[in-house]
Protein backbone atom coordinates (compact mmCIF):
# COMPACT_ATOMS: atom_id res chain seq x y z
CA UNK A 1 344.76 -95.58 123.27
CA UNK A 2 348.70 -93.91 123.42
CA UNK A 3 349.00 -93.13 120.36
CA UNK A 4 346.02 -91.13 120.56
CA UNK A 5 347.56 -89.72 123.53
CA UNK A 6 351.06 -88.80 121.75
CA UNK A 7 349.02 -87.10 118.91
CA UNK A 8 347.01 -84.79 121.11
CA UNK A 9 350.40 -83.99 123.60
CA UNK A 10 352.57 -83.20 120.50
CA UNK A 11 349.48 -80.67 118.79
CA UNK A 12 348.16 -78.82 121.69
CA UNK A 13 348.61 -80.90 125.39
CA UNK A 14 352.57 -79.83 125.46
CA UNK A 15 352.61 -76.29 124.53
CA UNK A 16 349.07 -75.88 127.07
CA UNK A 17 351.63 -77.98 130.42
CA UNK A 18 354.35 -75.58 129.75
CA UNK A 19 352.28 -72.19 129.75
CA UNK A 20 350.44 -73.98 132.92
CA UNK A 21 353.22 -75.62 134.40
CA UNK A 22 356.31 -73.98 133.03
CA UNK A 23 359.36 -75.91 133.79
CA UNK A 24 361.66 -74.38 136.65
CA UNK A 25 364.75 -74.72 134.02
CA UNK A 26 364.50 -75.27 130.21
CA UNK A 27 367.01 -78.36 129.61
CA UNK A 28 365.30 -78.25 126.15
CA UNK A 29 367.21 -75.21 125.27
CA UNK A 30 370.56 -76.74 125.21
CA UNK A 31 368.35 -80.06 123.06
CA UNK A 32 370.65 -80.54 120.45
CA UNK A 33 368.69 -83.36 117.61
CA UNK A 34 370.16 -85.81 115.54
CA UNK A 35 366.89 -86.73 113.17
CA UNK A 36 362.92 -86.07 113.65
CA UNK A 37 362.11 -89.25 114.81
CA UNK A 38 365.45 -89.12 117.77
CA UNK A 39 365.74 -88.10 121.47
CA UNK A 40 367.12 -84.76 122.27
CA UNK A 41 370.11 -84.95 124.26
CA UNK A 42 369.44 -82.06 126.84
CA UNK A 43 372.08 -81.12 129.97
CA UNK A 44 370.53 -81.28 132.36
CA UNK A 45 368.67 -84.66 130.90
CA UNK A 46 364.74 -84.04 130.16
CA UNK A 47 363.09 -86.03 132.57
CA UNK A 48 361.43 -88.63 130.46
CA UNK A 49 362.32 -90.20 127.12
CA UNK A 50 360.25 -90.35 124.55
CA UNK A 51 359.38 -93.18 122.49
CA UNK A 52 356.80 -93.52 119.69
CA UNK A 53 353.78 -95.36 119.70
CA UNK A 54 354.38 -96.94 116.92
CA UNK A 55 356.46 -97.81 114.44
CA UNK A 56 354.16 -97.28 111.47
CA UNK A 57 352.99 -93.62 112.66
CA UNK A 58 354.32 -91.14 114.60
CA UNK A 59 354.25 -87.76 116.49
CA UNK A 60 357.58 -86.25 116.95
CA UNK A 61 357.26 -83.95 120.43
CA UNK A 62 357.92 -80.02 119.33
CA UNK A 63 360.14 -78.41 121.88
CA UNK A 64 357.01 -77.65 124.62
CA UNK A 65 357.44 -81.09 125.35
CA UNK A 66 360.39 -80.13 127.60
CA UNK A 67 359.28 -77.53 128.93
CA UNK A 68 356.39 -78.24 131.72
CA UNK A 69 357.71 -79.45 135.06
CA UNK A 70 354.95 -82.34 134.71
CA UNK A 71 356.51 -84.40 132.17
CA UNK A 72 354.40 -86.63 129.71
CA UNK A 73 354.65 -90.07 131.52
CA UNK A 74 353.36 -89.01 134.96
CA UNK A 75 350.40 -90.48 135.60
CA UNK A 76 348.41 -87.47 137.11
CA UNK A 77 349.27 -85.76 133.74
CA UNK A 78 347.53 -88.65 131.41
CA UNK A 79 345.05 -88.81 133.27
CA UNK A 80 343.73 -86.12 133.29
CA UNK A 81 344.65 -85.46 129.38
CA UNK A 82 342.76 -88.69 128.75
CA UNK A 83 339.59 -87.33 130.35
CA UNK A 84 339.81 -83.99 129.03
CA UNK A 85 340.19 -85.97 125.35
CA UNK A 86 337.73 -88.46 126.35
CA UNK A 87 335.26 -85.45 126.80
CA UNK A 88 335.55 -83.21 124.33
CA UNK A 89 336.88 -85.52 121.30
CA UNK A 90 333.72 -87.69 122.37
CA UNK A 91 331.63 -84.58 121.84
CA UNK A 92 333.38 -83.00 118.92
CA UNK A 93 332.73 -86.76 117.14
CA UNK A 94 328.74 -86.94 118.51
CA UNK A 95 327.94 -83.59 116.99
CA UNK A 96 329.84 -83.93 113.85
CA UNK A 97 328.49 -87.19 113.43
CA UNK A 98 324.57 -86.36 114.61
CA UNK A 99 324.81 -83.68 112.17
CA UNK A 100 326.35 -85.56 108.92
CA UNK A 101 323.65 -88.18 109.94
CA UNK A 102 320.83 -85.47 110.48
CA UNK A 103 320.95 -83.17 107.27
CA UNK A 104 321.72 -86.32 104.87
CA UNK A 105 320.61 -90.14 106.41
CA UNK A 106 317.25 -89.22 108.85
CA UNK A 107 313.98 -89.65 108.14
CA UNK A 108 313.05 -86.04 108.54
CA UNK A 109 309.17 -87.44 108.51
CA UNK A 110 309.86 -88.81 111.71
CA UNK A 111 308.65 -84.95 113.30
CA UNK A 112 305.03 -86.06 112.15
CA UNK A 113 305.00 -88.96 114.37
CA UNK A 114 302.60 -89.07 117.45
CA UNK A 115 305.26 -89.77 119.95
CA UNK A 116 307.95 -87.48 119.26
CA UNK A 117 308.79 -85.00 121.80
CA UNK A 118 308.58 -80.97 121.95
CA UNK A 119 311.80 -79.49 121.52
CA UNK A 120 313.03 -83.14 120.98
CA UNK A 121 316.48 -82.17 119.65
CA UNK A 122 317.34 -79.90 121.96
CA UNK A 123 316.82 -82.09 124.94
CA UNK A 124 318.79 -85.10 123.54
CA UNK A 125 321.70 -82.34 123.25
CA UNK A 126 321.77 -81.44 126.76
CA UNK A 127 321.07 -85.02 127.95
CA UNK A 128 324.04 -85.59 125.96
CA UNK A 129 326.04 -83.02 127.05
CA UNK A 130 325.03 -83.98 130.84
CA UNK A 131 326.31 -87.17 129.96
CA UNK A 132 329.97 -87.77 128.34
CA UNK A 133 331.61 -85.46 131.00
CA UNK A 134 330.35 -88.12 133.63
CA UNK A 135 331.06 -91.19 131.43
CA UNK A 136 334.81 -90.06 130.42
CA UNK A 137 335.41 -89.44 134.52
CA UNK A 138 335.18 -93.27 134.37
CA UNK A 139 336.35 -94.44 131.02
CA UNK A 140 339.97 -92.38 131.84
CA UNK A 141 341.20 -94.71 134.01
CA UNK A 142 341.19 -97.37 131.85
CA UNK A 143 342.41 -95.47 128.42
CA UNK A 144 345.47 -94.84 131.28
CA UNK A 145 345.76 -98.49 131.77
CA UNK A 146 346.40 -98.98 128.74
CA UNK A 147 348.32 -96.16 127.89
CA UNK A 148 350.72 -97.26 131.11
CA UNK A 149 350.43 -101.23 129.53
CA UNK A 150 348.61 -103.10 130.94
CA UNK A 151 346.38 -103.98 128.61
CA UNK A 152 347.81 -106.60 125.53
CA UNK A 153 347.21 -104.13 122.61
CA UNK A 154 350.69 -104.54 120.41
CA UNK A 155 351.73 -102.39 117.40
CA UNK A 156 353.63 -104.80 115.42
CA UNK A 157 352.70 -108.00 113.51
CA UNK A 158 355.19 -109.32 115.31
CA UNK A 159 354.12 -108.91 118.85
CA UNK A 160 350.82 -109.79 117.66
CA UNK A 161 349.78 -113.49 117.88
CA UNK A 162 350.29 -113.40 113.83
CA UNK A 163 349.30 -112.15 110.50
CA UNK A 164 346.29 -114.38 110.68
CA UNK A 165 344.83 -112.56 114.18
CA UNK A 166 345.08 -108.93 112.30
CA UNK A 167 341.73 -110.12 110.36
CA UNK A 168 340.35 -112.53 113.10
CA UNK A 169 340.25 -109.53 115.31
CA UNK A 170 338.31 -107.38 114.34
CA UNK A 171 334.88 -110.03 113.89
CA UNK A 172 336.08 -111.58 117.19
CA UNK A 173 335.87 -108.09 118.98
CA UNK A 174 332.26 -107.31 117.35
CA UNK A 175 330.81 -111.05 118.39
CA UNK A 176 332.52 -110.78 122.21
CA UNK A 177 330.61 -106.64 122.78
CA UNK A 178 327.74 -107.76 121.01
CA UNK A 179 327.14 -111.04 123.85
CA UNK A 180 328.51 -108.14 126.59
CA UNK A 181 326.26 -105.67 125.51
CA UNK A 182 322.90 -107.67 125.01
CA UNK A 183 322.71 -109.23 128.45
CA UNK A 184 323.91 -105.78 129.84
CA UNK A 185 320.87 -103.94 127.85
CA UNK A 186 318.62 -106.50 129.17
CA UNK A 187 319.90 -106.74 132.81
CA UNK A 188 318.83 -102.35 132.47
CA UNK A 189 315.40 -103.34 131.34
CA UNK A 190 314.63 -104.95 134.74
CA UNK A 191 312.37 -103.78 136.25
CA UNK A 192 314.95 -102.51 139.93
CA UNK A 193 316.86 -100.79 137.61
CA UNK A 194 315.58 -99.35 134.12
CA UNK A 195 313.97 -96.78 135.99
CA UNK A 196 317.00 -95.33 137.80
CA UNK A 197 319.79 -96.28 134.96
CA UNK A 198 318.49 -96.57 131.03
CA UNK A 199 315.38 -94.55 131.55
CA UNK A 200 315.98 -91.71 130.18
CA UNK A 201 317.30 -93.18 127.05
CA UNK A 202 313.93 -94.47 126.29
CA UNK A 203 312.68 -90.99 126.68
CA UNK A 204 312.81 -90.97 122.89
CA UNK A 205 310.11 -93.33 121.49
CA UNK A 206 310.86 -91.68 118.24
CA UNK A 207 314.72 -91.08 118.40
CA UNK A 208 316.99 -89.09 115.71
CA UNK A 209 320.31 -89.32 115.43
CA UNK A 210 321.41 -86.79 118.54
CA UNK A 211 319.52 -89.73 120.60
CA UNK A 212 322.79 -91.23 120.34
CA UNK A 213 324.76 -90.62 123.42
CA UNK A 214 321.29 -89.20 124.90
CA UNK A 215 321.70 -91.82 127.95
CA UNK A 216 321.82 -91.84 131.31
CA UNK A 217 325.92 -91.77 132.06
CA UNK A 218 325.76 -95.02 133.43
CA UNK A 219 324.37 -96.39 131.52
CA UNK A 220 326.13 -95.78 128.55
CA UNK A 221 329.41 -96.22 130.88
CA UNK A 222 327.98 -100.18 131.29
CA UNK A 223 327.30 -100.26 128.49
CA UNK A 224 330.71 -99.09 127.21
CA UNK A 225 332.54 -102.02 128.95
CA UNK A 226 332.59 -104.80 127.19
CA UNK A 227 334.32 -102.98 124.10
CA UNK A 228 337.31 -101.69 127.28
CA UNK A 229 337.60 -104.95 129.25
CA UNK A 230 338.19 -106.98 125.23
CA UNK A 231 342.28 -105.67 124.97
CA UNK A 232 342.61 -106.60 128.87
CA UNK A 233 341.69 -110.11 127.48
CA UNK A 234 343.08 -110.42 124.49
CA UNK A 235 345.34 -108.87 122.11
CA UNK A 236 344.44 -105.95 120.12
CA UNK A 237 346.11 -104.55 117.29
CA UNK A 238 346.82 -100.42 118.30
CA UNK A 239 345.52 -98.95 115.03
CA UNK A 240 342.33 -101.64 114.85
CA UNK A 241 340.94 -100.16 118.69
CA UNK A 242 341.47 -96.74 117.02
CA UNK A 243 339.17 -98.04 113.69
CA UNK A 244 336.90 -99.67 116.17
CA UNK A 245 336.90 -96.90 118.52
CA UNK A 246 335.32 -94.33 115.48
CA UNK A 247 333.05 -97.90 114.09
CA UNK A 248 331.31 -97.81 117.89
CA UNK A 249 331.13 -94.06 117.35
CA UNK A 250 329.10 -94.23 114.24
CA UNK A 251 327.24 -97.39 114.82
CA UNK A 252 325.75 -95.75 117.60
CA UNK A 253 324.57 -93.63 115.23
CA UNK A 254 323.45 -95.16 112.37
CA UNK A 255 320.88 -97.52 114.56
CA UNK A 256 319.18 -93.82 115.70
CA UNK A 257 319.31 -92.14 112.50
CA UNK A 258 315.61 -93.81 111.33
CA UNK A 259 316.39 -94.18 107.79
CA UNK A 260 315.58 -98.35 107.42
CA UNK A 261 317.32 -99.59 104.86
CA UNK A 262 319.05 -102.69 106.40
CA UNK A 263 316.00 -105.14 106.69
CA UNK A 264 318.41 -107.73 107.14
CA UNK A 265 317.12 -110.93 109.36
CA UNK A 266 320.91 -110.47 111.29
CA UNK A 267 321.73 -107.46 111.33
CA UNK A 268 320.73 -105.16 114.28
CA UNK A 269 319.85 -101.91 112.18
CA UNK A 270 318.28 -98.98 113.16
CA UNK A 271 314.72 -100.80 111.97
CA UNK A 272 315.16 -103.26 115.27
CA UNK A 273 316.65 -100.63 117.26
CA UNK A 274 313.33 -98.28 116.69
CA UNK A 275 311.49 -101.64 117.25
CA UNK A 276 313.43 -101.94 120.61
CA UNK A 277 312.84 -97.88 121.67
CA UNK A 278 308.88 -98.00 120.73
CA UNK A 279 308.19 -101.64 122.27
CA UNK A 280 310.56 -101.60 124.60
CA UNK A 281 311.27 -105.35 125.50
CA UNK A 282 313.04 -106.60 122.64
CA UNK A 283 315.79 -105.81 120.96
CA UNK A 284 318.55 -105.73 123.35
CA UNK A 285 321.40 -106.70 120.49
CA UNK A 286 324.62 -103.96 119.23
CA UNK A 287 325.24 -105.59 116.16
CA UNK A 288 323.47 -108.64 115.40
CA UNK A 289 319.99 -110.62 115.89
CA UNK A 290 321.44 -113.31 117.49
CA UNK A 291 321.39 -113.21 121.27
CA UNK A 292 318.11 -111.69 120.41
CA UNK A 293 316.50 -114.62 118.92
CA UNK A 294 318.79 -116.98 121.14
CA UNK A 295 317.15 -115.48 123.87
CA UNK A 296 313.77 -115.44 123.02
CA UNK A 297 313.54 -111.27 122.68
CA UNK A 298 313.87 -110.67 118.60
CA UNK A 299 310.92 -109.23 117.16
CA UNK A 300 310.67 -108.23 113.37
CA UNK A 301 310.48 -104.89 112.26
CA UNK A 302 307.17 -103.75 111.31
CA UNK A 303 306.55 -103.65 107.44
CA UNK A 304 305.68 -100.39 107.26
CA UNK A 305 308.99 -98.74 108.45
CA UNK A 306 310.24 -99.96 105.04
CA UNK A 307 307.96 -98.51 103.00
CA UNK A 308 307.45 -94.91 103.12
CA UNK A 309 304.10 -94.16 101.71
CA UNK A 310 302.91 -96.45 104.31
CA UNK A 311 305.23 -95.45 107.48
CA UNK A 312 303.81 -92.32 108.36
CA UNK A 313 299.94 -93.82 107.72
CA UNK A 314 297.46 -92.89 109.84
CA UNK A 315 295.57 -96.41 110.23
CA UNK A 316 299.48 -98.12 110.79
CA UNK A 317 300.08 -94.98 113.35
CA UNK A 318 297.35 -95.75 115.50
CA UNK A 319 297.79 -99.35 115.69
CA UNK A 320 301.68 -98.86 116.57
CA UNK A 321 300.72 -96.42 118.99
CA UNK A 322 297.98 -98.54 120.51
CA UNK A 323 300.31 -101.31 121.36
CA UNK A 324 303.57 -98.81 122.12
CA UNK A 325 301.44 -97.03 124.88
CA UNK A 326 300.03 -100.41 126.91
CA UNK A 327 304.17 -101.67 126.84
CA UNK A 328 305.02 -98.68 127.91
CA UNK A 329 302.20 -98.05 131.32
CA UNK A 330 303.45 -102.07 132.21
CA UNK A 331 307.35 -101.10 131.93
CA UNK A 332 307.18 -96.94 133.10
CA UNK A 333 303.63 -96.48 134.20
CA UNK A 334 302.28 -93.33 134.23
CA UNK A 335 303.69 -91.18 131.07
CA UNK A 336 305.67 -88.28 132.07
CA UNK A 337 306.52 -87.08 128.05
CA UNK A 338 305.43 -84.02 126.28
CA UNK A 339 304.10 -84.36 123.18
CA UNK A 340 304.29 -81.59 119.49
CA UNK A 341 300.44 -80.91 119.51
CA UNK A 342 298.82 -83.15 117.29
CA UNK A 343 297.86 -81.30 114.70
CA UNK A 344 299.55 -81.77 111.17
CA UNK A 345 303.73 -80.17 111.70
CA UNK A 346 305.39 -79.18 108.77
CA UNK A 347 308.29 -81.41 107.85
CA UNK A 348 311.60 -79.22 108.36
């Protein structure tokens, strides 16, 4: 995360802090540079010295970096900056990925499903807008610990376990997080937990890509803990970390996109996750079906999901909805959702 922090400091936050919290004197006025990557020498000396976050890619600071009374390495400034990055950049990623999925992938025949909610996409967006700033508040301290060197993240291969680990870290990360998210997610379906924490995400019986991050903030945070715990327990290369962070957000959108292309017994794709939203007590996994199979919670996706001519067939929908309502009543009791009218609806 230090690489991301360096990027945002250089191109956004240095100027912001210099404007809002200017230094009493400007040491950079007397600074000289011998190269673009070198630290300026100034009199009096700067309050901190710039060290690039990575030997592979760096973002040298501008003069703004030395014009604030709060230096870059001040933990309070780092916390505020990381919070804003996590919240606002998280929103940008959410709307960008969900919008792309909605316009190019999402099967809009979903609008004709009897369990599609009134104003659902708008409600999904509202729930996400409420969740992300709270999630960011709890996530920023973990990013702060990473930035300040308490994790096991490394930059160059020489700093890590070796070249072999540069490759094995990806499936290792997926396996580690898949295992723990399965159990966290399953715990959230316990009757004493579900109605307080996980129920907001199950409001969407037939989710759209905008449902991907539409959950109770502590639900989203709880399921993200394995991602953040991994680099404190095991080595993780910095660029791999950024890649995996983006991949996780992409995957979260894809399993809510309503386009059931992965008819695979191993991959927990959109079809498997739709079964979870429809029937509640199945397919808790994030990436694979392994732990659902071992835990007895796997349910094979309905055949009609993979056949567009049957997906909205009245007979199939009637059977699907009948079972869904029975399970929903057992899990939640009275259904307080507001569905669209039952007359035929136009596909947008």
